[in-house]
């Protein structure tokens, strides 16, 4: 007598439904997907060259969701820059959490750039790149984009001024501006040369400057 053949159980619709539900729950929200896709495209290819439809395809989000969440592409650009700013500040805070010397904290800005540039294919400062795409902002939203770039720069400059005040006992605005120019130049050189050497040179120049207090004590 032949042995009975056991047929495998068919998956029930309920288990399949649970699997799909689980995947949906684990999937980032439409806002997160839009921001992640915009960040990837804007940092690698530029801002103006990327159209709305490209972002929507990358994010797998409907156009209606983009406009309900952000209102426009320019508003998405602003959100992208604000997100970069928040992440940059958080990374610098982590790097300096155990530091006590103001000099080390200032040099951490240079170390941050040295560590990041190879991983982002030597594209330079994403903030500078964004500002370069809007040299003459004409609309309110374009001015908002430039303002988001300037906000990051203001924070960097003010943080350096505060640290120089701790170091020297008085605000060193001129010195902070010089340090920021070193950082700007190092990032531009790293992009051009596709190397961290310009940033390392900028760091060394910054270190030398920090060893000499500014001559004008009225700053």
N, C-alpha and C. Protein backbone atom coordinates (compact mmCIF):
# COMPACT_ATOMS: atom_id res chain seq x y z
N UNK A 1 0.85 -1.20 0.00
CA UNK A 1 0.00 0.00 0.00
C UNK A 1 0.89 1.24 0.00
N UNK A 2 0.60 2.18 -0.91
CA UNK A 2 1.45 3.37 -1.03
C UNK A 2 1.23 4.29 0.16
N UNK A 3 2.33 4.91 0.57
CA UNK A 3 2.23 5.86 1.68
C UNK A 3 1.45 7.08 1.25
N UNK A 4 0.69 7.60 2.18
CA UNK A 4 -0.11 8.80 1.87
C UNK A 4 0.81 10.00 1.68
N UNK A 5 0.50 10.79 0.69
CA UNK A 5 1.31 11.99 0.41
C UNK A 5 0.75 13.16 1.20
N UNK A 6 1.65 13.80 1.93
CA UNK A 6 1.22 14.95 2.73
C UNK A 6 1.45 16.23 1.95
N UNK A 7 0.41 16.98 1.71
CA UNK A 7 0.54 18.23 0.97
C UNK A 7 0.90 19.36 1.93
N UNK A 8 1.84 20.21 1.52
CA UNK A 8 2.19 21.34 2.39
C UNK A 8 1.02 22.28 2.55
N UNK A 9 0.91 22.81 3.74
CA UNK A 9 -0.16 23.76 3.99
C UNK A 9 0.03 25.01 3.15
N UNK A 10 -1.05 25.52 2.62
CA UNK A 10 -0.98 26.77 1.88
C UNK A 10 -0.94 27.93 2.86
N UNK A 11 -0.15 28.95 2.55
CA UNK A 11 -0.14 30.11 3.44
C UNK A 11 -1.50 30.78 3.45
N UNK A 12 -1.92 31.15 4.59
CA UNK A 12 -3.23 31.79 4.71
C UNK A 12 -3.11 33.26 4.36
N UNK A 13 -4.21 33.83 3.94
CA UNK A 13 -4.22 35.25 3.63
C UNK A 13 -3.90 36.09 4.85
N UNK A 14 -4.25 35.54 6.03
CA UNK A 14 -4.01 36.30 7.26
C UNK A 14 -2.52 36.48 7.51
N UNK A 15 -1.72 35.41 7.34
CA UNK A 15 -0.28 35.51 7.61
C UNK A 15 0.38 36.43 6.59
N UNK A 16 -0.05 36.35 5.32
CA UNK A 16 0.50 37.24 4.31
C UNK A 16 0.18 38.68 4.64
N UNK A 17 -1.03 38.90 5.09
CA UNK A 17 -1.43 40.26 5.46
C UNK A 17 -0.60 40.77 6.62
N UNK A 18 -0.32 39.88 7.60
CA UNK A 18 0.50 40.30 8.74
C UNK A 18 1.90 40.68 8.27
N UNK A 19 2.45 39.90 7.31
CA UNK A 19 3.79 40.20 6.82
C UNK A 19 3.85 41.55 6.15
N UNK A 20 2.82 41.84 5.33
CA UNK A 20 2.79 43.13 4.65
C UNK A 20 2.64 44.27 5.65
N UNK A 21 1.80 44.04 6.66
CA UNK A 21 1.60 45.06 7.67
C UNK A 21 2.89 45.35 8.41
N UNK A 22 3.65 44.26 8.72
CA UNK A 22 4.91 44.45 9.42
C UNK A 22 5.89 45.25 8.60
N UNK A 23 5.92 44.96 7.28
CA UNK A 23 6.83 45.71 6.42
C UNK A 23 6.45 47.17 6.36
N UNK A 24 5.13 47.44 6.31
CA UNK A 24 4.69 48.83 6.27
C UNK A 24 5.06 49.55 7.55
N UNK A 25 4.94 48.84 8.68
CA UNK A 25 5.26 49.48 9.96
C UNK A 25 6.75 49.80 10.06
N UNK A 26 7.58 48.94 9.46
CA UNK A 26 9.02 49.15 9.54
C UNK A 26 9.52 50.16 8.52
N UNK A 27 8.69 50.50 7.55
CA UNK A 27 9.10 51.42 6.51
C UNK A 27 9.11 52.85 7.03
N UNK A 28 10.12 53.64 6.67
CA UNK A 28 10.13 55.04 7.10
C UNK A 28 8.89 55.77 6.60
N UNK A 29 8.55 56.84 7.27
CA UNK A 29 7.38 57.63 6.88
C UNK A 29 7.63 58.33 5.54
N UNK A 30 6.57 58.78 4.86
CA UNK A 30 6.77 59.53 3.62
C UNK A 30 7.69 60.73 3.79
N UNK A 31 7.56 61.44 4.91
CA UNK A 31 8.43 62.60 5.14
C UNK A 31 9.89 62.16 5.23
N UNK A 32 10.14 61.10 5.97
CA UNK A 32 11.51 60.60 6.11
C UNK A 32 12.06 60.13 4.77
N UNK A 33 11.23 59.48 3.97
CA UNK A 33 11.69 58.99 2.67
C UNK A 33 11.98 60.15 1.72
N UNK A 34 11.13 61.16 1.74
CA UNK A 34 11.36 62.33 0.90
C UNK A 34 12.65 63.03 1.29
N UNK A 35 12.86 63.20 2.58
CA UNK A 35 14.06 63.89 3.05
C UNK A 35 15.31 63.07 2.75
N UNK A 36 15.24 61.76 2.93
CA UNK A 36 16.39 60.90 2.65
C UNK A 36 16.73 60.91 1.16
N UNK A 37 15.72 60.83 0.31
CA UNK A 37 15.95 60.84 -1.13
C UNK A 37 16.48 62.19 -1.59
N UNK A 38 15.91 63.27 -1.06
CA UNK A 38 16.38 64.60 -1.41
C UNK A 38 17.83 64.79 -0.98
N UNK A 39 18.16 64.32 0.20
CA UNK A 39 19.54 64.45 0.70
C UNK A 39 20.51 63.71 -0.21
N UNK A 40 20.17 62.50 -0.58
CA UNK A 40 21.03 61.72 -1.46
C UNK A 40 21.22 62.41 -2.81
N UNK A 41 20.14 62.88 -3.39
CA UNK A 41 20.21 63.51 -4.72
C UNK A 41 20.87 64.88 -4.67
N UNK A 42 20.52 65.70 -3.69
CA UNK A 42 21.07 67.05 -3.62
C UNK A 42 22.57 67.03 -3.32
N UNK A 43 23.00 66.12 -2.46
CA UNK A 43 24.42 66.09 -2.11
C UNK A 43 25.29 65.49 -3.20
N UNK A 44 24.73 64.60 -4.00
CA UNK A 44 25.54 63.94 -5.03
C UNK A 44 25.44 64.59 -6.40
N UNK A 45 24.28 65.21 -6.70
CA UNK A 45 24.09 65.75 -8.05
C UNK A 45 23.81 67.25 -8.10
N UNK A 46 23.45 67.83 -6.98
CA UNK A 46 23.09 69.24 -6.97
C UNK A 46 21.61 69.42 -6.70
N UNK A 47 21.20 70.67 -6.53
CA UNK A 47 19.82 70.97 -6.15
C UNK A 47 18.96 71.34 -7.35
N UNK A 48 19.37 72.34 -8.09
CA UNK A 48 18.54 72.84 -9.19
C UNK A 48 18.34 71.80 -10.29
N UNK A 49 19.33 70.95 -10.49
CA UNK A 49 19.25 69.97 -11.58
C UNK A 49 18.26 68.85 -11.28
N UNK A 50 17.88 68.69 -10.03
CA UNK A 50 16.98 67.60 -9.62
C UNK A 50 15.53 68.09 -9.64
N UNK A 51 14.70 67.41 -10.40
CA UNK A 51 13.29 67.77 -10.47
C UNK A 51 12.45 67.03 -9.44
N UNK A 52 11.26 67.54 -9.23
CA UNK A 52 10.34 66.95 -8.26
C UNK A 52 10.07 65.48 -8.57
N UNK A 53 9.83 65.17 -9.84
CA UNK A 53 9.47 63.79 -10.21
C UNK A 53 10.58 62.82 -9.86
N UNK A 54 11.82 63.24 -10.00
CA UNK A 54 12.96 62.37 -9.66
C UNK A 54 12.95 62.05 -8.16
N UNK A 55 12.70 63.05 -7.36
CA UNK A 55 12.65 62.85 -5.91
C UNK A 55 11.52 61.91 -5.54
N UNK A 56 10.37 62.10 -6.18
CA UNK A 56 9.20 61.26 -5.88
C UNK A 56 9.46 59.80 -6.23
N UNK A 57 10.12 59.57 -7.36
CA UNK A 57 10.43 58.19 -7.75
C UNK A 57 11.39 57.55 -6.76
N UNK A 58 12.41 58.31 -6.38
CA UNK A 58 13.40 57.77 -5.44
C UNK A 58 12.76 57.46 -4.08
N UNK A 59 11.85 58.32 -3.66
CA UNK A 59 11.23 58.17 -2.34
C UNK A 59 10.02 57.26 -2.35
N UNK A 60 9.50 56.97 -3.54
CA UNK A 60 8.27 56.18 -3.68
C UNK A 60 7.14 56.85 -2.90
N UNK A 61 6.94 58.13 -3.21
CA UNK A 61 5.93 58.93 -2.52
C UNK A 61 5.11 59.67 -3.58
N UNK A 62 3.83 59.82 -3.34
CA UNK A 62 2.96 60.54 -4.27
C UNK A 62 3.22 62.04 -4.21
N UNK A 63 2.99 62.71 -5.33
CA UNK A 63 3.22 64.15 -5.39
C UNK A 63 2.37 64.89 -4.36
N UNK A 64 1.15 64.41 -4.16
CA UNK A 64 0.27 65.07 -3.18
C UNK A 64 0.88 65.05 -1.78
N UNK A 65 1.60 63.98 -1.45
CA UNK A 65 2.23 63.89 -0.13
C UNK A 65 3.34 64.91 0.01
N UNK A 66 4.11 65.10 -1.05
CA UNK A 66 5.19 66.09 -0.99
C UNK A 66 4.63 67.48 -0.71
N UNK A 67 3.57 67.84 -1.45
CA UNK A 67 3.02 69.18 -1.28
C UNK A 67 2.30 69.34 0.05
N UNK A 68 1.71 68.28 0.57
CA UNK A 68 1.04 68.38 1.87
C UNK A 68 2.06 68.45 3.01
N UNK A 69 3.21 67.80 2.82
CA UNK A 69 4.23 67.77 3.87
C UNK A 69 5.15 68.98 3.84
N UNK A 70 5.52 69.43 2.63
CA UNK A 70 6.50 70.51 2.51
C UNK A 70 5.96 71.74 1.79
N UNK A 71 5.04 71.55 0.87
CA UNK A 71 4.47 72.68 0.17
C UNK A 71 5.11 72.98 -1.17
N UNK A 72 6.42 72.75 -1.29
CA UNK A 72 7.13 73.04 -2.54
C UNK A 72 8.50 72.38 -2.50
N UNK A 73 9.16 72.35 -3.65
CA UNK A 73 10.52 71.82 -3.70
C UNK A 73 11.46 72.69 -2.88
N UNK A 74 11.30 74.02 -2.98
CA UNK A 74 12.18 74.91 -2.22
C UNK A 74 12.05 74.68 -0.72
N UNK A 75 10.84 74.42 -0.26
CA UNK A 75 10.65 74.12 1.16
C UNK A 75 11.33 72.81 1.54
N UNK A 76 11.34 71.86 0.62
CA UNK A 76 12.06 70.60 0.85
C UNK A 76 13.56 70.86 0.91
N UNK A 77 14.06 71.75 0.07
CA UNK A 77 15.48 72.11 0.10
C UNK A 77 15.83 72.72 1.45
N UNK A 78 14.98 73.60 1.95
CA UNK A 78 15.22 74.22 3.26
C UNK A 78 15.24 73.16 4.35
N UNK A 79 14.30 72.23 4.30
CA UNK A 79 14.26 71.15 5.30
C UNK A 79 15.52 70.29 5.21
N UNK A 80 15.99 70.05 4.01
CA UNK A 80 17.23 69.28 3.80
C UNK A 80 18.41 69.99 4.45
N UNK A 81 18.53 71.30 4.25
CA UNK A 81 19.64 72.06 4.83
C UNK A 81 19.53 72.13 6.35
N UNK A 82 18.33 72.28 6.85
CA UNK A 82 18.14 72.31 8.31
C UNK A 82 18.49 70.97 8.93
N UNK A 83 18.16 69.89 8.23
CA UNK A 83 18.50 68.55 8.71
C UNK A 83 20.02 68.36 8.72
N UNK A 84 20.69 68.82 7.66
CA UNK A 84 22.16 68.75 7.63
C UNK A 84 22.75 69.54 8.79
N UNK A 85 22.19 70.71 9.04
CA UNK A 85 22.68 71.57 10.12
C UNK A 85 22.54 70.87 11.47
N UNK A 86 21.38 70.29 11.72
CA UNK A 86 21.15 69.60 13.00
C UNK A 86 22.12 68.44 13.17
N UNK A 87 22.33 67.68 12.11
CA UNK A 87 23.24 66.53 12.19
C UNK A 87 24.68 66.97 12.39
N UNK A 88 25.07 68.06 11.74
CA UNK A 88 26.42 68.58 11.89
C UNK A 88 26.67 69.05 13.31
N UNK A 89 25.70 69.76 13.87
CA UNK A 89 25.84 70.24 15.26
C UNK A 89 25.92 69.06 16.23
N UNK A 90 25.07 68.06 16.01
CA UNK A 90 25.06 66.90 16.90
C UNK A 90 26.37 66.14 16.83
N UNK A 91 26.92 66.01 15.63
CA UNK A 91 28.19 65.30 15.47
C UNK A 91 29.31 66.05 16.16
N UNK A 92 29.35 67.38 16.00
CA UNK A 92 30.37 68.17 16.67
C UNK A 92 30.22 68.06 18.19
N UNK A 93 29.00 68.08 18.68
CA UNK A 93 28.77 67.95 20.13
C UNK A 93 29.26 66.61 20.65
N UNK A 94 29.05 65.54 19.89
CA UNK A 94 29.55 64.22 20.31
C UNK A 94 31.07 64.20 20.33
N UNK A 95 31.67 64.81 19.33
CA UNK A 95 33.13 64.82 19.25
C UNK A 95 33.77 65.57 20.41
N UNK A 96 33.11 66.60 20.86
CA UNK A 96 33.71 67.48 21.87
C UNK A 96 33.19 67.21 23.28
N UNK A 97 32.35 66.22 23.44
CA UNK A 97 31.70 65.98 24.74
C UNK A 97 32.70 65.77 25.87
N UNK A 98 33.81 65.11 25.58
CA UNK A 98 34.80 64.82 26.62
C UNK A 98 35.96 65.82 26.62
N UNK A 99 35.90 66.82 25.76
CA UNK A 99 37.00 67.79 25.66
C UNK A 99 36.78 68.94 26.64
N UNK A 100 37.86 69.47 27.16
CA UNK A 100 37.79 70.63 28.05
C UNK A 100 38.54 71.83 27.49
N UNK A 101 39.51 71.60 26.62
CA UNK A 101 40.32 72.67 26.05
C UNK A 101 39.58 73.32 24.88
N UNK A 102 39.35 74.65 24.93
CA UNK A 102 38.68 75.32 23.82
C UNK A 102 39.41 75.14 22.49
N UNK A 103 40.73 75.05 22.52
CA UNK A 103 41.49 74.85 21.28
C UNK A 103 41.10 73.53 20.63
N UNK A 104 41.03 72.49 21.43
CA UNK A 104 40.65 71.17 20.89
C UNK A 104 39.24 71.21 20.29
N UNK A 105 38.35 71.95 20.94
CA UNK A 105 36.98 72.02 20.45
C UNK A 105 36.91 72.77 19.12
N UNK A 106 37.72 73.81 18.98
CA UNK A 106 37.76 74.54 17.70
C UNK A 106 38.35 73.66 16.61
N UNK A 107 39.43 72.97 16.92
CA UNK A 107 40.06 72.10 15.93
C UNK A 107 39.16 70.93 15.55
N UNK A 108 38.19 70.63 16.40
CA UNK A 108 37.25 69.54 16.09
C UNK A 108 36.42 69.85 14.84
N UNK A 109 36.21 71.13 14.54
CA UNK A 109 35.52 71.49 13.30
C UNK A 109 36.32 71.00 12.09
N UNK A 110 37.63 71.16 12.17
CA UNK A 110 38.50 70.71 11.07
C UNK A 110 38.57 69.18 11.03
N UNK A 111 38.66 68.56 12.20
CA UNK A 111 38.70 67.09 12.25
C UNK A 111 37.41 66.49 11.69
N UNK A 112 36.30 67.14 11.99
CA UNK A 112 35.01 66.68 11.48
C UNK A 112 35.02 66.67 9.95
N UNK A 113 35.51 67.75 9.35
CA UNK A 113 35.56 67.83 7.89
C UNK A 113 36.55 66.82 7.31
N UNK A 114 37.69 66.65 7.97
CA UNK A 114 38.69 65.69 7.50
C UNK A 114 38.12 64.28 7.48
N UNK A 115 37.35 63.95 8.50
CA UNK A 115 36.76 62.60 8.59
C UNK A 115 35.63 62.41 7.58
N UNK A 116 34.87 63.47 7.30
CA UNK A 116 33.69 63.33 6.46
C UNK A 116 33.98 63.35 4.96
N UNK A 117 34.95 64.14 4.53
CA UNK A 117 35.14 64.36 3.10
C UNK A 117 35.38 63.09 2.28
N UNK A 118 36.25 62.17 2.71
CA UNK A 118 36.43 60.96 1.88
C UNK A 118 35.14 60.18 1.71
N UNK A 119 34.33 60.10 2.76
CA UNK A 119 33.09 59.34 2.69
C UNK A 119 32.03 59.97 1.81
N UNK A 120 32.12 61.27 1.58
CA UNK A 120 31.15 61.94 0.69
C UNK A 120 31.79 62.31 -0.64
N UNK A 121 32.83 61.56 -1.01
CA UNK A 121 33.45 61.67 -2.33
C UNK A 121 34.00 63.06 -2.60
N UNK A 122 34.50 63.71 -1.57
CA UNK A 122 35.16 65.01 -1.69
C UNK A 122 34.28 66.02 -2.43
N UNK A 123 33.06 66.15 -1.97
CA UNK A 123 32.14 67.11 -2.60
C UNK A 123 32.19 68.47 -1.92
N UNK A 124 33.04 68.63 -0.92
CA UNK A 124 33.13 69.91 -0.24
C UNK A 124 31.97 70.15 0.69
N UNK A 125 31.78 71.41 1.06
CA UNK A 125 30.70 71.78 1.98
C UNK A 125 29.36 71.77 1.25
N UNK A 126 28.42 70.99 1.75
CA UNK A 126 27.08 70.97 1.14
C UNK A 126 26.40 72.33 1.32
N UNK A 127 26.76 73.05 2.37
CA UNK A 127 26.18 74.38 2.59
C UNK A 127 26.72 75.37 1.56
N UNK A 128 28.04 75.35 1.34
CA UNK A 128 28.62 76.21 0.31
C UNK A 128 28.05 75.86 -1.07
N UNK A 129 27.94 74.58 -1.34
CA UNK A 129 27.42 74.15 -2.64
C UNK A 129 26.00 74.65 -2.86
N UNK A 130 25.18 74.59 -1.82
CA UNK A 130 23.80 75.07 -1.94
C UNK A 130 23.78 76.58 -2.19
N UNK A 131 24.59 77.32 -1.44
CA UNK A 131 24.63 78.78 -1.62
C UNK A 131 25.09 79.15 -3.02
N UNK A 132 26.03 78.38 -3.56
CA UNK A 132 26.54 78.66 -4.90
C UNK A 132 25.46 78.50 -5.98
N UNK A 133 24.45 77.69 -5.70
CA UNK A 133 23.38 77.49 -6.67
C UNK A 133 22.34 78.61 -6.64
N UNK A 134 22.43 79.47 -5.62
CA UNK A 134 21.49 80.59 -5.49
C UNK A 134 22.26 81.88 -5.25
N UNK A 135 23.11 82.29 -6.22
CA UNK A 135 23.93 83.49 -6.02
C UNK A 135 23.11 84.77 -5.92
N UNK A 136 21.95 84.79 -6.58
CA UNK A 136 21.06 85.96 -6.53
C UNK A 136 19.63 85.48 -6.26
N UNK A 137 19.34 85.15 -5.03
CA UNK A 137 17.99 84.65 -4.71
C UNK A 137 16.93 85.69 -5.05
N UNK A 138 15.93 85.27 -5.81
CA UNK A 138 14.92 86.20 -6.30
C UNK A 138 13.57 86.06 -5.59
N UNK A 139 13.27 84.89 -5.10
CA UNK A 139 11.97 84.67 -4.46
C UNK A 139 12.15 84.51 -2.96
N UNK A 140 11.05 84.59 -2.25
CA UNK A 140 11.10 84.43 -0.80
C UNK A 140 11.63 83.05 -0.42
N UNK A 141 11.22 82.03 -1.17
CA UNK A 141 11.67 80.67 -0.85
C UNK A 141 13.16 80.50 -1.14
N UNK A 142 13.66 81.14 -2.20
CA UNK A 142 15.09 81.07 -2.49
C UNK A 142 15.89 81.81 -1.42
N UNK A 143 15.35 82.92 -0.94
CA UNK A 143 16.02 83.62 0.16
C UNK A 143 16.01 82.77 1.42
N UNK A 144 14.96 81.97 1.58
CA UNK A 144 14.90 81.04 2.72
C UNK A 144 15.98 79.98 2.64
N UNK A 145 16.29 79.53 1.43
CA UNK A 145 17.36 78.55 1.23
C UNK A 145 18.70 79.14 1.64
N UNK A 146 18.99 80.35 1.16
CA UNK A 146 20.25 81.01 1.51
C UNK A 146 20.30 81.29 3.00
N UNK A 147 19.17 81.65 3.59
CA UNK A 147 19.12 81.91 5.03
C UNK A 147 19.44 80.65 5.83
N UNK A 148 18.99 79.49 5.36
CA UNK A 148 19.29 78.22 6.05
C UNK A 148 20.79 77.94 6.01
N UNK A 149 21.43 78.27 4.90
CA UNK A 149 22.89 78.13 4.80
C UNK A 149 23.58 79.08 5.78
N UNK A 150 23.13 80.32 5.80
CA UNK A 150 23.74 81.33 6.67
C UNK A 150 23.55 80.99 8.14
N UNK A 151 22.44 80.36 8.47
CA UNK A 151 22.18 79.99 9.87
C UNK A 151 23.22 79.00 10.37
N UNK A 152 23.59 78.05 9.53
CA UNK A 152 24.65 77.10 9.91
C UNK A 152 25.97 77.83 10.09
N UNK A 153 26.25 78.76 9.19
CA UNK A 153 27.51 79.50 9.27
C UNK A 153 27.54 80.38 10.52
N UNK A 154 26.40 81.01 10.83
CA UNK A 154 26.35 81.85 12.04
C UNK A 154 26.61 81.01 13.28
N UNK A 155 26.03 79.82 13.32
CA UNK A 155 26.25 78.96 14.49
C UNK A 155 27.73 78.58 14.60
N UNK A 156 28.34 78.21 13.49
CA UNK A 156 29.76 77.83 13.52
C UNK A 156 30.61 79.00 14.00
N UNK A 157 30.37 80.18 13.44
CA UNK A 157 31.14 81.36 13.82
C UNK A 157 30.93 81.70 15.29
N UNK A 158 29.67 81.71 15.75
CA UNK A 158 29.39 82.08 17.14
C UNK A 158 29.98 81.06 18.11
N UNK A 159 29.96 79.79 17.74
CA UNK A 159 30.57 78.77 18.59
C UNK A 159 32.06 79.02 18.74
N UNK A 160 32.71 79.38 17.64
CA UNK A 160 34.14 79.68 17.69
C UNK A 160 34.40 80.92 18.54
N UNK A 161 33.56 81.95 18.39
CA UNK A 161 33.72 83.17 19.20
C UNK A 161 33.58 82.83 20.68
N UNK A 162 32.59 82.04 21.04
CA UNK A 162 32.39 81.65 22.45
C UNK A 162 33.59 80.89 22.99
N UNK A 163 34.15 80.00 22.18
CA UNK A 163 35.31 79.21 22.62
C UNK A 163 36.54 80.10 22.75
N UNK A 164 36.69 81.06 21.85
CA UNK A 164 37.82 81.99 21.94
C UNK A 164 37.69 82.89 23.16
N UNK A 165 36.46 83.21 23.54
CA UNK A 165 36.23 83.99 24.76
C UNK A 165 36.69 83.20 25.98
N UNK A 166 36.39 81.90 26.00
CA UNK A 166 36.87 81.04 27.09
C UNK A 166 38.40 80.98 27.10
N UNK A 167 38.98 80.93 25.92
CA UNK A 167 40.43 80.77 25.80
C UNK A 167 41.18 82.04 26.18
N UNK A 168 40.71 83.19 25.68
CA UNK A 168 41.46 84.44 25.82
C UNK A 168 40.90 85.40 26.85
N UNK A 169 39.64 85.19 27.26
CA UNK A 169 39.04 86.10 28.22
C UNK A 169 38.30 87.25 27.59
N UNK A 170 38.25 87.31 26.28
CA UNK A 170 37.53 88.36 25.57
C UNK A 170 37.11 87.81 24.20
N UNK A 171 36.06 88.35 23.61
CA UNK A 171 35.59 87.83 22.32
C UNK A 171 36.64 88.00 21.23
N UNK A 172 36.85 86.98 20.45
CA UNK A 172 37.82 87.03 19.35
C UNK A 172 37.12 86.91 18.01
N UNK A 173 36.28 87.90 17.69
CA UNK A 173 35.50 87.82 16.46
C UNK A 173 36.38 87.77 15.22
N UNK A 174 37.41 88.62 15.20
CA UNK A 174 38.32 88.64 14.05
C UNK A 174 39.02 87.30 13.90
N UNK A 175 39.49 86.76 15.00
CA UNK A 175 40.17 85.47 14.99
C UNK A 175 39.22 84.36 14.53
N UNK A 176 37.98 84.42 14.99
CA UNK A 176 36.99 83.41 14.58
C UNK A 176 36.73 83.47 13.08
N UNK A 177 36.64 84.68 12.54
CA UNK A 177 36.45 84.82 11.10
C UNK A 177 37.64 84.27 10.32
N UNK A 178 38.84 84.47 10.84
CA UNK A 178 40.02 83.91 10.19
C UNK A 178 39.98 82.38 10.21
N UNK A 179 39.58 81.82 11.33
CA UNK A 179 39.48 80.36 11.43
C UNK A 179 38.44 79.81 10.45
N UNK A 180 37.33 80.53 10.31
CA UNK A 180 36.29 80.08 9.40
C UNK A 180 36.76 80.14 7.95
N UNK A 181 37.57 81.15 7.64
CA UNK A 181 38.13 81.23 6.29
C UNK A 181 39.08 80.06 6.03
N UNK A 182 39.86 79.69 7.04
CA UNK A 182 40.73 78.50 6.90
C UNK A 182 39.88 77.27 6.58
N UNK A 183 38.78 77.12 7.31
CA UNK A 183 37.91 75.95 7.11
C UNK A 183 37.28 75.98 5.71
N UNK A 184 36.82 77.17 5.29
CA UNK A 184 36.25 77.31 3.95
C UNK A 184 37.27 76.91 2.88
N UNK A 185 38.49 77.44 3.03
CA UNK A 185 39.53 77.15 2.05
C UNK A 185 39.92 75.68 2.04
N UNK A 186 39.97 75.09 3.21
CA UNK A 186 40.31 73.67 3.29
C UNK A 186 39.28 72.80 2.60
N UNK A 187 38.00 73.13 2.78
CA UNK A 187 36.92 72.37 2.14
C UNK A 187 36.94 72.56 0.62
N UNK A 188 37.18 73.80 0.18
CA UNK A 188 37.25 74.05 -1.26
C UNK A 188 38.44 73.32 -1.88
N UNK A 189 39.58 73.34 -1.19
CA UNK A 189 40.76 72.64 -1.69
C UNK A 189 40.58 71.14 -1.71
N UNK A 190 39.91 70.61 -0.70
CA UNK A 190 39.66 69.16 -0.65
C UNK A 190 38.80 68.73 -1.83
N UNK A 191 37.83 69.55 -2.17
CA UNK A 191 36.97 69.22 -3.31
C UNK A 191 37.76 69.28 -4.62
N UNK A 192 38.57 70.30 -4.78
CA UNK A 192 39.34 70.46 -6.02
C UNK A 192 40.39 69.38 -6.18
N UNK A 193 41.12 69.09 -5.10
CA UNK A 193 42.22 68.12 -5.16
C UNK A 193 41.79 66.69 -4.87
N UNK A 194 40.54 66.52 -4.41
CA UNK A 194 40.05 65.21 -4.00
C UNK A 194 41.02 64.57 -3.00
N UNK A 195 41.31 65.35 -1.98
CA UNK A 195 42.27 64.94 -0.96
C UNK A 195 41.98 65.70 0.32
N UNK A 196 42.32 65.09 1.47
CA UNK A 196 42.15 65.78 2.75
C UNK A 196 43.34 66.67 3.07
N UNK A 197 44.38 66.66 2.24
CA UNK A 197 45.57 67.45 2.54
C UNK A 197 45.28 68.94 2.72
N UNK A 198 44.45 69.57 1.87
CA UNK A 198 44.14 70.98 2.11
C UNK A 198 43.47 71.21 3.47
N UNK A 199 42.64 70.30 3.90
CA UNK A 199 42.01 70.43 5.21
C UNK A 199 43.02 70.24 6.33
N UNK A 200 43.95 69.33 6.15
CA UNK A 200 44.99 69.13 7.14
C UNK A 200 45.87 70.37 7.25
N UNK A 201 46.17 71.00 6.11
CA UNK A 201 46.93 72.25 6.11
C UNK A 201 46.15 73.34 6.81
N UNK A 202 44.85 73.42 6.52
CA UNK A 202 44.00 74.42 7.17
C UNK A 202 43.96 74.20 8.68
N UNK A 203 43.93 72.97 9.11
CA UNK A 203 43.93 72.66 10.54
C UNK A 203 45.23 73.12 11.19
N UNK A 204 46.34 72.90 10.51
CA UNK A 204 47.64 73.31 11.05
C UNK A 204 47.72 74.83 11.15
N UNK A 205 47.21 75.53 10.13
CA UNK A 205 47.18 77.00 10.18
C UNK A 205 46.30 77.48 11.33
N UNK A 206 45.17 76.82 11.53
CA UNK A 206 44.29 77.17 12.64
C UNK A 206 44.98 76.96 13.98
N UNK A 207 45.69 75.87 14.11
CA UNK A 207 46.39 75.57 15.35
C UNK A 207 47.45 76.63 15.64
N UNK A 208 48.18 77.03 14.60
CA UNK A 208 49.19 78.07 14.77
C UNK A 208 48.55 79.39 15.18
N UNK A 209 47.43 79.73 14.56
CA UNK A 209 46.74 80.98 14.90
C UNK A 209 46.27 80.96 16.35
N UNK A 210 45.80 79.83 16.81
CA UNK A 210 45.28 79.72 18.16
C UNK A 210 46.36 79.82 19.23
N UNK A 211 47.60 79.63 18.83
CA UNK A 211 48.70 79.75 19.77
C UNK A 211 49.09 81.20 20.02
N UNK A 212 48.58 82.10 19.17
CA UNK A 212 48.92 83.53 19.28
C UNK A 212 47.64 84.32 19.50
N UNK A 213 47.45 84.96 20.67
CA UNK A 213 46.24 85.75 20.90
C UNK A 213 46.19 86.92 19.92
N UNK A 214 45.00 87.35 19.52
CA UNK A 214 44.89 88.49 18.61
C UNK A 214 45.45 89.75 19.24
N UNK A 215 46.06 90.60 18.42
CA UNK A 215 46.72 91.80 18.92
C UNK A 215 45.73 92.85 19.41
N UNK A 216 44.56 92.92 18.80
CA UNK A 216 43.58 93.94 19.14
C UNK A 216 42.70 93.45 20.29
N UNK A 217 42.96 93.94 21.49
CA UNK A 217 42.21 93.48 22.66
C UNK A 217 40.85 94.16 22.77
N UNK A 218 40.57 95.07 21.86
CA UNK A 218 39.27 95.75 21.90
C UNK A 218 38.23 95.03 21.06
N UNK A 219 38.61 93.91 20.40
CA UNK A 219 37.71 93.17 19.51
C UNK A 219 36.48 92.69 20.29
